[in-house]
Each structure stands twice: as structure tokens, then as C-alpha cells.
Amino acid sequence: MKAKRIFVLLGHPNADTLSGALATEYENAAREAGHEVRRLNIGDLSFDPVLHLGYKAIQELEPDLKTVQENISWAEHIVIVHPNWWGGMPALLKGMWDRMFLPRFAFRMWRNRLGWHCLLKGRTARVIVLCGNPAFLDWLAFGDFTASLKRSLLEFAGIRTRITTFGKSETSSDRRREIWKKKVRTLAKRAA
């Protein structure tokens, strides 16, 4: 298999978590398989996650947000690991997307505003979501808690996206966590 350029983004603000451990498993296994890997942790980035005026005015991107954009542009495969908090991604991760997933970077609207050009086509993504409950119960309670990231952001920009969910993450046994780590390592080796 051809080596790929992979960008791993930990979307949990605290790297010392199960989310962080799974991101590290993916990163290490991908490197061992010969892939070129870049990694960022959302909690290490410095940026204002609030769009103070919405999209009515340009809010200059901080250097860390420009770095995220550069890594997404560089990558052939993007991996995002985050917990499911209140039916969605953590606020800091959502704020990052609000700030840096902009026209002329991720998409370009048609002149008639009835469609858009996807500017990040040709890339793939794997989103790994950890749920406190069984993932199916979260889905029943909240609906598709991955839709915002998968459909409204990544696929909107042309990135073919797959989701992996791990449930009962907070109370899972060491044995169960080892099974998850093995699955993540397998995905990393294939850059899937």
C-alpha cells in the first residue's frame, strides 16, 4: 500500500484522556506503517473560538488556525478523535471549525448561491467518537450526533468521511479499551 500523508487532530481539550490515548495509538501505528503523520491537539492551540460578528466581518485567523488549515490542505487522510458531549463535538472543536472552515479554503459558493464547489476533494477522513453511553443509545437519544462534523463540514467540502464510535467509554474495562486500540491501530496501518 502506498504511504499517505495523514493529519491527526485530537478534538478533546485534554490530551490526557482516552480520546488522547486513541489519537496517539493511531498516530504511532500510522508512522510504524510508513505513513507521514502530523498531529495537533485542540487543547494546545491558541485561538478565539467565538465568531464575534458571525460571518458579517472578517475575523483574522490566528497562526494556530492557519496551521490547522495548512495541515488539512497537506493531508490526504484526516483523523479526528473527540468525545460526544451533549449530542455533539466539544465547543472548542466546534469553534475551531466555525473560525477556519471558510470560503476559498474549504468551499466556494456558486454565483447564484444555489450550490458550491468543494475545494477539499480527493481527501478522506476518519472521525472517531467516544460516547459515555452505548453509541446506539446516544444515537437514539440525540439523533445522528456525527452529522454536523461529517455532513455539514467535511463532506460539504468534498472530504469522503467514515465514522467509528466507541460506547460506554467512561466505564469501559481495560480489556474493552485494548480492543478499541487494536481497531484504531488496524485503521491507522491502512490509513483508513
N, C-alpha and C. Protein backbone atom coordinates (compact mmCIF):
# COMPACT_ATOMS: atom_id res chain seq x y z
N MET A 1 0.83 -1.18 0.00
CA MET A 1 0.00 0.00 0.00
C MET A 1 0.88 1.25 0.00
N LYS A 2 0.45 2.24 -0.73
CA LYS A 2 1.17 3.50 -0.83
C LYS A 2 1.06 4.27 0.49
N ALA A 3 2.18 4.83 0.91
CA ALA A 3 2.18 5.67 2.13
C ALA A 3 1.37 6.93 1.87
N LYS A 4 0.67 7.38 2.89
CA LYS A 4 -0.17 8.58 2.78
C LYS A 4 0.28 9.64 3.75
N ARG A 5 -0.15 10.87 3.46
CA ARG A 5 0.04 11.99 4.37
C ARG A 5 -1.21 12.06 5.26
N ILE A 6 -1.02 11.92 6.55
CA ILE A 6 -2.13 11.84 7.50
C ILE A 6 -2.03 12.96 8.52
N PHE A 7 -3.14 13.65 8.73
CA PHE A 7 -3.24 14.67 9.77
C PHE A 7 -4.16 14.15 10.86
N VAL A 8 -3.63 14.03 12.08
CA VAL A 8 -4.41 13.58 13.24
C VAL A 8 -4.71 14.79 14.11
N LEU A 9 -5.99 15.01 14.39
CA LEU A 9 -6.42 16.11 15.24
C LEU A 9 -7.16 15.54 16.45
N LEU A 10 -6.62 15.78 17.63
CA LEU A 10 -7.32 15.41 18.86
C LEU A 10 -8.28 16.54 19.19
N GLY A 11 -9.58 16.23 19.18
CA GLY A 11 -10.61 17.24 19.43
C GLY A 11 -11.04 17.35 20.88
N HIS A 12 -10.44 16.59 21.77
CA HIS A 12 -10.70 16.72 23.21
C HIS A 12 -9.74 17.77 23.76
N PRO A 13 -10.22 18.74 24.54
CA PRO A 13 -9.32 19.77 25.06
C PRO A 13 -8.21 19.24 25.97
N ASN A 14 -8.38 18.05 26.51
CA ASN A 14 -7.39 17.45 27.41
C ASN A 14 -6.78 16.23 26.74
N ALA A 15 -5.49 16.27 26.49
CA ALA A 15 -4.83 15.15 25.81
C ALA A 15 -4.67 13.93 26.70
N ASP A 16 -4.75 14.11 28.01
CA ASP A 16 -4.58 13.01 28.96
C ASP A 16 -5.92 12.33 29.22
N THR A 17 -6.51 11.78 28.15
CA THR A 17 -7.83 11.16 28.20
C THR A 17 -7.81 9.93 27.29
N LEU A 18 -8.88 9.18 27.31
CA LEU A 18 -9.00 8.05 26.39
C LEU A 18 -8.98 8.54 24.94
N SER A 19 -9.60 9.67 24.68
CA SER A 19 -9.54 10.25 23.32
C SER A 19 -8.09 10.49 22.92
N GLY A 20 -7.32 11.07 23.84
CA GLY A 20 -5.91 11.32 23.57
C GLY A 20 -5.13 10.03 23.35
N ALA A 21 -5.43 9.02 24.16
CA ALA A 21 -4.74 7.73 24.00
C ALA A 21 -5.03 7.10 22.65
N LEU A 22 -6.28 7.19 22.18
CA LEU A 22 -6.63 6.61 20.88
C LEU A 22 -6.00 7.41 19.74
N ALA A 23 -5.93 8.73 19.88
CA ALA A 23 -5.25 9.54 18.86
C ALA A 23 -3.77 9.15 18.78
N THR A 24 -3.16 8.92 19.93
CA THR A 24 -1.76 8.51 19.96
C THR A 24 -1.57 7.13 19.36
N GLU A 25 -2.48 6.21 19.64
CA GLU A 25 -2.42 4.87 19.03
C GLU A 25 -2.45 4.98 17.52
N TYR A 26 -3.37 5.81 16.99
CA TYR A 26 -3.47 5.98 15.54
C TYR A 26 -2.18 6.59 15.00
N GLU A 27 -1.72 7.65 15.62
CA GLU A 27 -0.50 8.33 15.17
C GLU A 27 0.69 7.38 15.12
N ASN A 28 0.92 6.64 16.20
CA ASN A 28 2.08 5.74 16.26
C ASN A 28 1.99 4.60 15.27
N ALA A 29 0.81 3.99 15.15
CA ALA A 29 0.65 2.87 14.22
C ALA A 29 0.80 3.33 12.77
N ALA A 30 0.29 4.53 12.47
CA ALA A 30 0.43 5.06 11.10
C ALA A 30 1.90 5.31 10.76
N ARG A 31 2.63 5.87 11.70
CA ARG A 31 4.07 6.11 11.47
C ARG A 31 4.80 4.78 11.26
N GLU A 32 4.50 3.80 12.12
CA GLU A 32 5.14 2.49 12.01
C GLU A 32 4.85 1.84 10.66
N ALA A 33 3.68 2.13 10.09
CA ALA A 33 3.30 1.57 8.80
C ALA A 33 3.92 2.34 7.63
N GLY A 34 4.65 3.41 7.93
CA GLY A 34 5.34 4.15 6.87
C GLY A 34 4.62 5.39 6.38
N HIS A 35 3.51 5.74 7.01
CA HIS A 35 2.79 6.96 6.61
C HIS A 35 3.47 8.18 7.22
N GLU A 36 3.31 9.32 6.55
CA GLU A 36 3.82 10.59 7.09
C GLU A 36 2.69 11.21 7.90
N VAL A 37 2.96 11.52 9.17
CA VAL A 37 1.90 11.95 10.08
C VAL A 37 2.23 13.29 10.71
N ARG A 38 1.22 14.15 10.75
CA ARG A 38 1.27 15.39 11.52
C ARG A 38 0.14 15.31 12.56
N ARG A 39 0.39 15.86 13.74
CA ARG A 39 -0.60 15.77 14.82
C ARG A 39 -0.74 17.11 15.53
N LEU A 40 -1.97 17.48 15.82
CA LEU A 40 -2.27 18.64 16.66
C LEU A 40 -3.30 18.24 17.70
N ASN A 41 -3.20 18.85 18.87
CA ASN A 41 -4.20 18.68 19.93
C ASN A 41 -4.93 20.01 20.09
N ILE A 42 -6.25 19.97 20.00
CA ILE A 42 -7.03 21.21 20.08
C ILE A 42 -6.73 21.98 21.35
N GLY A 43 -6.46 21.28 22.45
CA GLY A 43 -6.18 21.94 23.71
C GLY A 43 -4.86 22.68 23.75
N ASP A 44 -3.97 22.41 22.80
CA ASP A 44 -2.67 23.09 22.73
C ASP A 44 -2.71 24.31 21.82
N LEU A 45 -3.81 24.49 21.10
CA LEU A 45 -3.91 25.60 20.14
C LEU A 45 -4.38 26.86 20.84
N SER A 46 -3.94 28.00 20.34
CA SER A 46 -4.33 29.29 20.89
C SER A 46 -5.14 30.05 19.84
N PHE A 47 -6.45 30.18 20.09
CA PHE A 47 -7.32 30.92 19.19
C PHE A 47 -8.61 31.26 19.92
N ASP A 48 -9.29 32.27 19.42
CA ASP A 48 -10.60 32.65 19.95
C ASP A 48 -11.64 31.81 19.21
N PRO A 49 -12.38 30.94 19.90
CA PRO A 49 -13.35 30.08 19.21
C PRO A 49 -14.67 30.77 18.87
N VAL A 50 -14.81 32.03 19.23
CA VAL A 50 -16.08 32.74 19.04
C VAL A 50 -16.03 33.60 17.79
N LEU A 51 -17.06 33.45 16.96
CA LEU A 51 -17.25 34.34 15.81
C LEU A 51 -18.03 35.54 16.32
N HIS A 52 -17.35 36.58 16.70
CA HIS A 52 -17.99 37.70 17.39
C HIS A 52 -19.02 38.43 16.54
N LEU A 53 -18.82 38.51 15.26
CA LEU A 53 -19.77 39.19 14.37
C LEU A 53 -20.38 38.22 13.36
N GLY A 54 -20.33 36.93 13.67
CA GLY A 54 -20.78 35.95 12.69
C GLY A 54 -19.87 36.04 11.48
N TYR A 55 -20.46 35.87 10.30
CA TYR A 55 -19.64 35.97 9.09
C TYR A 55 -19.83 37.32 8.39
N LYS A 56 -20.31 38.32 9.15
CA LYS A 56 -20.52 39.65 8.58
C LYS A 56 -19.23 40.44 8.42
N ALA A 57 -18.21 40.05 9.15
CA ALA A 57 -16.92 40.74 9.06
C ALA A 57 -15.81 39.70 9.13
N ILE A 58 -14.70 40.03 8.53
CA ILE A 58 -13.56 39.12 8.55
C ILE A 58 -12.90 39.18 9.93
N GLN A 59 -12.75 38.04 10.53
CA GLN A 59 -12.04 37.93 11.81
C GLN A 59 -10.73 37.23 11.51
N GLU A 60 -9.65 37.98 11.59
CA GLU A 60 -8.34 37.47 11.21
C GLU A 60 -8.03 36.15 11.92
N LEU A 61 -7.53 35.18 11.15
CA LEU A 61 -7.18 33.88 11.73
C LEU A 61 -5.88 33.96 12.52
N GLU A 62 -5.89 33.36 13.69
CA GLU A 62 -4.67 33.25 14.49
C GLU A 62 -3.73 32.26 13.81
N PRO A 63 -2.42 32.34 14.12
CA PRO A 63 -1.45 31.42 13.50
C PRO A 63 -1.82 29.94 13.68
N ASP A 64 -2.34 29.55 14.83
CA ASP A 64 -2.68 28.14 15.04
C ASP A 64 -3.81 27.68 14.12
N LEU A 65 -4.77 28.57 13.83
CA LEU A 65 -5.84 28.19 12.90
C LEU A 65 -5.30 28.07 11.48
N LYS A 66 -4.36 28.93 11.13
CA LYS A 66 -3.72 28.81 9.81
C LYS A 66 -2.94 27.50 9.72
N THR A 67 -2.35 27.07 10.83
CA THR A 67 -1.63 25.79 10.85
C THR A 67 -2.59 24.63 10.64
N VAL A 68 -3.76 24.69 11.25
CA VAL A 68 -4.77 23.64 11.02
C VAL A 68 -5.14 23.61 9.55
N GLN A 69 -5.40 24.76 8.96
CA GLN A 69 -5.72 24.82 7.53
C GLN A 69 -4.60 24.22 6.68
N GLU A 70 -3.36 24.57 7.00
CA GLU A 70 -2.22 24.05 6.25
C GLU A 70 -2.15 22.53 6.35
N ASN A 71 -2.39 21.99 7.54
CA ASN A 71 -2.36 20.54 7.72
C ASN A 71 -3.48 19.84 6.97
N ILE A 72 -4.66 20.43 6.95
CA ILE A 72 -5.78 19.85 6.19
C ILE A 72 -5.45 19.89 4.69
N SER A 73 -4.91 21.00 4.22
CA SER A 73 -4.55 21.10 2.80
C SER A 73 -3.46 20.11 2.42
N TRP A 74 -2.52 19.89 3.31
CA TRP A 74 -1.40 18.96 3.08
C TRP A 74 -1.85 17.51 3.08
N ALA A 75 -2.81 17.17 3.93
CA ALA A 75 -3.18 15.78 4.18
C ALA A 75 -3.95 15.14 3.03
N GLU A 76 -3.73 13.84 2.90
CA GLU A 76 -4.58 13.00 2.04
C GLU A 76 -5.67 12.35 2.88
N HIS A 77 -5.37 12.13 4.16
CA HIS A 77 -6.32 11.50 5.08
C HIS A 77 -6.29 12.27 6.40
N ILE A 78 -7.47 12.55 6.93
CA ILE A 78 -7.61 13.33 8.16
C ILE A 78 -8.29 12.46 9.20
N VAL A 79 -7.74 12.46 10.41
CA VAL A 79 -8.30 11.69 11.52
C VAL A 79 -8.64 12.66 12.64
N ILE A 80 -9.88 12.62 13.09
CA ILE A 80 -10.33 13.48 14.18
C ILE A 80 -10.88 12.57 15.28
N VAL A 81 -10.36 12.74 16.49
CA VAL A 81 -10.81 11.95 17.63
C VAL A 81 -11.40 12.90 18.65
N HIS A 82 -12.65 12.65 19.06
CA HIS A 82 -13.28 13.54 20.05
C HIS A 82 -14.38 12.79 20.81
N PRO A 83 -14.72 13.30 22.00
CA PRO A 83 -15.84 12.73 22.73
C PRO A 83 -17.17 13.31 22.24
N ASN A 84 -18.24 12.60 22.50
CA ASN A 84 -19.58 13.10 22.24
C ASN A 84 -20.06 13.78 23.52
N TRP A 85 -20.14 15.10 23.48
CA TRP A 85 -20.61 15.85 24.64
C TRP A 85 -21.93 16.51 24.28
N TRP A 86 -22.97 16.16 25.00
CA TRP A 86 -24.29 16.74 24.80
C TRP A 86 -24.76 16.64 23.34
N GLY A 87 -24.52 15.49 22.75
CA GLY A 87 -25.00 15.25 21.40
C GLY A 87 -24.17 15.87 20.30
N GLY A 88 -22.92 16.19 20.58
CA GLY A 88 -22.07 16.78 19.54
C GLY A 88 -20.62 16.85 19.97
N MET A 89 -19.85 17.56 19.20
CA MET A 89 -18.42 17.70 19.48
C MET A 89 -18.19 18.74 20.58
N PRO A 90 -17.06 18.72 21.25
CA PRO A 90 -16.75 19.74 22.25
C PRO A 90 -16.79 21.15 21.65
N ALA A 91 -17.16 22.12 22.45
CA ALA A 91 -17.34 23.50 21.99
C ALA A 91 -16.07 24.07 21.35
N LEU A 92 -14.91 23.77 21.93
CA LEU A 92 -13.66 24.29 21.38
C LEU A 92 -13.42 23.77 19.96
N LEU A 93 -13.73 22.49 19.74
CA LEU A 93 -13.59 21.91 18.40
C LEU A 93 -14.58 22.55 17.43
N LYS A 94 -15.81 22.75 17.87
CA LYS A 94 -16.81 23.41 17.03
C LYS A 94 -16.38 24.84 16.71
N GLY A 95 -15.85 25.54 17.71
CA GLY A 95 -15.37 26.90 17.48
C GLY A 95 -14.24 26.96 16.47
N MET A 96 -13.38 25.95 16.49
CA MET A 96 -12.29 25.90 15.51
C MET A 96 -12.85 25.84 14.09
N TRP A 97 -13.83 24.93 13.89
CA TRP A 97 -14.43 24.82 12.55
C TRP A 97 -15.12 26.13 12.16
N ASP A 98 -15.87 26.73 13.09
CA ASP A 98 -16.56 27.98 12.79
C ASP A 98 -15.58 29.04 12.31
N ARG A 99 -14.43 29.08 12.92
CA ARG A 99 -13.46 30.12 12.60
C ARG A 99 -12.68 29.87 11.32
N MET A 100 -12.28 28.61 11.05
CA MET A 100 -11.31 28.43 9.97
C MET A 100 -11.84 27.66 8.75
N PHE A 101 -13.04 27.13 8.81
CA PHE A 101 -13.57 26.40 7.66
C PHE A 101 -14.34 27.40 6.80
N LEU A 102 -13.61 28.13 6.00
CA LEU A 102 -14.12 29.33 5.34
C LEU A 102 -14.18 29.19 3.82
N PRO A 103 -14.97 30.07 3.17
CA PRO A 103 -14.94 30.13 1.70
C PRO A 103 -13.50 30.40 1.22
N ARG A 104 -13.20 29.85 0.08
CA ARG A 104 -11.88 29.93 -0.56
C ARG A 104 -10.86 29.02 0.10
N PHE A 105 -11.20 28.41 1.23
CA PHE A 105 -10.36 27.36 1.81
C PHE A 105 -11.06 26.02 1.65
N ALA A 106 -12.28 25.88 2.14
CA ALA A 106 -12.99 24.61 2.12
C ALA A 106 -14.01 24.52 0.98
N PHE A 107 -14.55 25.64 0.56
CA PHE A 107 -15.59 25.65 -0.46
C PHE A 107 -15.62 27.02 -1.14
N ARG A 108 -16.35 27.08 -2.25
CA ARG A 108 -16.60 28.35 -2.93
C ARG A 108 -18.03 28.30 -3.45
N MET A 109 -18.85 29.23 -3.01
CA MET A 109 -20.26 29.24 -3.42
C MET A 109 -20.37 29.63 -4.89
N TRP A 110 -21.36 29.04 -5.57
CA TRP A 110 -21.65 29.44 -6.94
C TRP A 110 -22.19 30.87 -6.93
N ARG A 111 -22.06 31.54 -8.04
CA ARG A 111 -22.55 32.93 -8.11
C ARG A 111 -24.03 33.03 -7.79
N ASN A 112 -24.82 32.04 -8.22
CA ASN A 112 -26.27 32.09 -7.97
C ASN A 112 -26.64 31.60 -6.57
N ARG A 113 -25.64 31.19 -5.77
CA ARG A 113 -25.79 30.75 -4.38
C ARG A 113 -26.65 29.48 -4.24
N LEU A 114 -26.86 28.76 -5.35
CA LEU A 114 -27.66 27.53 -5.31
C LEU A 114 -26.80 26.28 -5.19
N GLY A 115 -25.52 26.44 -5.03
CA GLY A 115 -24.60 25.32 -4.90
C GLY A 115 -23.22 25.82 -4.57
N TRP A 116 -22.26 24.92 -4.59
CA TRP A 116 -20.90 25.29 -4.22
C TRP A 116 -19.89 24.33 -4.84
N HIS A 117 -18.66 24.77 -4.91
CA HIS A 117 -17.53 23.95 -5.32
C HIS A 117 -16.87 23.42 -4.05
N CYS A 118 -16.62 22.14 -4.02
CA CYS A 118 -15.92 21.50 -2.89
C CYS A 118 -14.42 21.65 -3.14
N LEU A 119 -13.72 22.36 -2.29
CA LEU A 119 -12.31 22.66 -2.52
C LEU A 119 -11.35 21.67 -1.85
N LEU A 120 -11.89 20.69 -1.11
CA LEU A 120 -11.03 19.71 -0.44
C LEU A 120 -11.28 18.30 -0.95
N LYS A 121 -11.75 18.19 -2.18
CA LYS A 121 -12.00 16.87 -2.78
C LYS A 121 -10.71 16.06 -2.85
N GLY A 122 -10.88 14.74 -2.89
CA GLY A 122 -9.74 13.85 -3.03
C GLY A 122 -9.18 13.40 -1.69
N ARG A 123 -9.70 13.96 -0.61
CA ARG A 123 -9.26 13.56 0.73
C ARG A 123 -10.28 12.63 1.36
N THR A 124 -9.79 11.88 2.34
CA THR A 124 -10.67 11.05 3.13
C THR A 124 -10.50 11.45 4.59
N ALA A 125 -11.47 11.05 5.40
CA ALA A 125 -11.39 11.33 6.84
C ALA A 125 -11.97 10.16 7.62
N ARG A 126 -11.45 10.00 8.81
CA ARG A 126 -11.98 9.05 9.80
C ARG A 126 -12.24 9.87 11.06
N VAL A 127 -13.48 9.87 11.51
CA VAL A 127 -13.84 10.54 12.75
C VAL A 127 -14.10 9.45 13.78
N ILE A 128 -13.37 9.51 14.88
CA ILE A 128 -13.53 8.54 15.97
C ILE A 128 -14.18 9.28 17.13
N VAL A 129 -15.37 8.80 17.52
CA VAL A 129 -16.16 9.46 18.55
C VAL A 129 -16.31 8.53 19.74
N LEU A 130 -16.02 9.04 20.93
CA LEU A 130 -16.20 8.28 22.16
C LEU A 130 -17.47 8.76 22.85
N CYS A 131 -18.33 7.81 23.21
CA CYS A 131 -19.61 8.11 23.83
C CYS A 131 -19.63 7.57 25.26
N GLY A 132 -20.19 8.32 26.18
CA GLY A 132 -20.32 7.86 27.56
C GLY A 132 -21.32 6.73 27.69
N ASN A 133 -22.32 6.73 26.85
CA ASN A 133 -23.33 5.67 26.80
C ASN A 133 -22.99 4.74 25.64
N PRO A 134 -23.70 3.62 25.53
CA PRO A 134 -23.55 2.86 24.28
C PRO A 134 -23.87 3.79 23.11
N ALA A 135 -23.07 3.76 22.06
CA ALA A 135 -23.24 4.68 20.93
C ALA A 135 -24.64 4.62 20.35
N PHE A 136 -25.24 3.43 20.31
CA PHE A 136 -26.59 3.30 19.77
C PHE A 136 -27.60 4.06 20.62
N LEU A 137 -27.43 4.03 21.95
CA LEU A 137 -28.34 4.78 22.82
C LEU A 137 -28.18 6.28 22.62
N ASP A 138 -26.94 6.75 22.45
CA ASP A 138 -26.74 8.17 22.14
C ASP A 138 -27.42 8.53 20.83
N TRP A 139 -27.31 7.65 19.86
CA TRP A 139 -27.96 7.90 18.57
C TRP A 139 -29.48 7.97 18.74
N LEU A 140 -30.05 7.04 19.53
CA LEU A 140 -31.49 7.08 19.79
C LEU A 140 -31.90 8.35 20.52
N ALA A 141 -31.12 8.75 21.51
CA ALA A 141 -31.46 9.92 22.32
C ALA A 141 -31.25 11.24 21.59
N PHE A 142 -30.16 11.34 20.81
CA PHE A 142 -29.78 12.62 20.22
C PHE A 142 -29.89 12.67 18.71
N GLY A 143 -30.20 11.56 18.08
CA GLY A 143 -30.16 11.52 16.63
C GLY A 143 -28.72 11.33 16.17
N ASP A 144 -28.45 11.66 14.94
CA ASP A 144 -27.11 11.46 14.39
C ASP A 144 -26.18 12.55 14.93
N PHE A 145 -25.51 12.24 16.03
CA PHE A 145 -24.63 13.20 16.68
C PHE A 145 -23.34 13.44 15.89
N THR A 146 -23.14 12.73 14.79
CA THR A 146 -21.96 12.94 13.95
C THR A 146 -22.27 13.78 12.71
N ALA A 147 -23.54 14.13 12.50
CA ALA A 147 -23.93 14.80 11.25
C ALA A 147 -23.25 16.15 11.05
N SER A 148 -23.11 16.92 12.11
CA SER A 148 -22.51 18.25 11.97
C SER A 148 -21.10 18.16 11.40
N LEU A 149 -20.28 17.31 11.98
CA LEU A 149 -18.90 17.19 11.52
C LEU A 149 -18.82 16.45 10.19
N LYS A 150 -19.54 15.35 10.08
CA LYS A 150 -19.44 14.53 8.86
C LYS A 150 -20.06 15.23 7.65
N ARG A 151 -21.34 15.53 7.75
CA ARG A 151 -22.06 16.03 6.57
C ARG A 151 -21.91 17.53 6.36
N SER A 152 -22.09 18.30 7.44
CA SER A 152 -22.14 19.75 7.30
C SER A 152 -20.77 20.40 7.14
N LEU A 153 -19.71 19.69 7.51
CA LEU A 153 -18.37 20.26 7.38
C LEU A 153 -17.51 19.48 6.39
N LEU A 154 -17.12 18.28 6.77
CA LEU A 154 -16.15 17.53 5.95
C LEU A 154 -16.71 17.17 4.57
N GLU A 155 -17.87 16.54 4.53
CA GLU A 155 -18.43 16.15 3.22
C GLU A 155 -18.87 17.36 2.41
N PHE A 156 -19.29 18.43 3.07
CA PHE A 156 -19.64 19.68 2.39
C PHE A 156 -18.45 20.19 1.58
N ALA A 157 -17.24 19.98 2.11
CA ALA A 157 -16.02 20.43 1.43
C ALA A 157 -15.44 19.38 0.49
N GLY A 158 -16.10 18.21 0.39
CA GLY A 158 -15.66 17.17 -0.55
C GLY A 158 -14.83 16.07 0.07
N ILE A 159 -14.70 16.03 1.39
CA ILE A 159 -13.89 15.02 2.06
C ILE A 159 -14.76 13.80 2.36
N ARG A 160 -14.42 12.67 1.75
CA ARG A 160 -15.16 11.42 1.98
C ARG A 160 -14.88 10.96 3.42
N THR A 161 -15.93 10.79 4.22
CA THR A 161 -15.77 10.62 5.66
C THR A 161 -16.43 9.35 6.17
N ARG A 162 -15.70 8.67 7.06
CA ARG A 162 -16.23 7.50 7.76
C ARG A 162 -16.17 7.75 9.26
N ILE A 163 -17.11 7.15 9.97
CA ILE A 163 -17.24 7.35 11.41
C ILE A 163 -16.99 6.03 12.13
N THR A 164 -16.28 6.10 13.25
CA THR A 164 -16.13 4.97 14.17
C THR A 164 -16.55 5.46 15.54
N THR A 165 -17.45 4.74 16.21
CA THR A 165 -17.89 5.13 17.54
C THR A 165 -17.54 4.04 18.54
N PHE A 166 -17.13 4.47 19.72
CA PHE A 166 -16.87 3.56 20.83
C PHE A 166 -17.76 4.01 21.99
N GLY A 167 -18.59 3.09 22.48
CA GLY A 167 -19.54 3.43 23.52
C GLY A 167 -19.18 2.92 24.89
N LYS A 168 -19.80 3.56 25.87
CA LYS A 168 -19.53 3.33 27.29
C LYS A 168 -18.06 3.57 27.60
N SER A 169 -17.53 4.62 27.01
CA SER A 169 -16.09 4.89 27.12
C SER A 169 -15.66 5.19 28.55
N GLU A 170 -16.51 5.84 29.32
CA GLU A 170 -16.12 6.24 30.68
C GLU A 170 -16.05 5.06 31.64
N THR A 171 -16.82 4.02 31.37
CA THR A 171 -16.86 2.87 32.28
C THR A 171 -16.32 1.60 31.63
N SER A 172 -15.68 1.74 30.49
CA SER A 172 -15.19 0.56 29.77
C SER A 172 -14.04 -0.10 30.53
N SER A 173 -13.95 -1.40 30.35
CA SER A 173 -12.89 -2.17 31.00
C SER A 173 -11.57 -1.98 30.25
N ASP A 174 -10.48 -2.33 30.91
CA ASP A 174 -9.17 -2.29 30.24
C ASP A 174 -9.17 -3.21 29.03
N ARG A 175 -9.82 -4.34 29.15
CA ARG A 175 -9.90 -5.30 28.03
C ARG A 175 -10.61 -4.67 26.83
N ARG A 176 -11.74 -3.99 27.09
CA ARG A 176 -12.50 -3.34 26.02
C ARG A 176 -11.65 -2.24 25.38
N ARG A 177 -10.93 -1.48 26.18
CA ARG A 177 -10.09 -0.41 25.64
C ARG A 177 -8.96 -0.97 24.78
N GLU A 178 -8.43 -2.11 25.14
CA GLU A 178 -7.40 -2.74 24.32
C GLU A 178 -7.97 -3.17 22.97
N ILE A 179 -9.20 -3.63 22.95
CA ILE A 179 -9.88 -3.98 21.69
C ILE A 179 -10.01 -2.74 20.82
N TRP A 180 -10.41 -1.63 21.43
CA TRP A 180 -10.54 -0.37 20.67
C TRP A 180 -9.20 0.07 20.13
N LYS A 181 -8.16 -0.01 20.95
CA LYS A 181 -6.82 0.39 20.49
C LYS A 181 -6.36 -0.47 19.32
N LYS A 182 -6.66 -1.75 19.40
CA LYS A 182 -6.29 -2.65 18.30
C LYS A 182 -7.01 -2.25 17.02
N LYS A 183 -8.30 -1.92 17.13
CA LYS A 183 -9.06 -1.49 15.96
C LYS A 183 -8.47 -0.20 15.38
N VAL A 184 -8.13 0.74 16.25
CA VAL A 184 -7.55 2.00 15.80
C VAL A 184 -6.21 1.75 15.11
N ARG A 185 -5.38 0.87 15.66
CA ARG A 185 -4.09 0.56 15.03
C ARG A 185 -4.30 -0.05 13.64
N THR A 186 -5.30 -0.92 13.51
CA THR A 186 -5.60 -1.52 12.21
C THR A 186 -6.01 -0.46 11.20
N LEU A 187 -6.87 0.48 11.63
CA LEU A 187 -7.28 1.58 10.74
C LEU A 187 -6.07 2.42 10.34
N ALA A 188 -5.19 2.68 11.29
CA ALA A 188 -4.02 3.53 11.04
C ALA A 188 -3.08 2.89 10.02
N LYS A 189 -2.86 1.61 10.14
CA LYS A 189 -1.95 0.93 9.21
C LYS A 189 -2.45 1.05 7.77
N ARG A 190 -3.78 1.01 7.60
CA ARG A 190 -4.38 1.11 6.27
C ARG A 190 -4.68 2.55 5.86
N ALA A 191 -4.39 3.49 6.77
CA ALA A 191 -4.75 4.90 6.56
C ALA A 191 -6.22 5.02 6.23
N ALA A 192 -7.00 4.34 7.04
CA ALA A 192 -8.46 4.33 6.83
C ALA A 192 -9.15 5.01 8.00
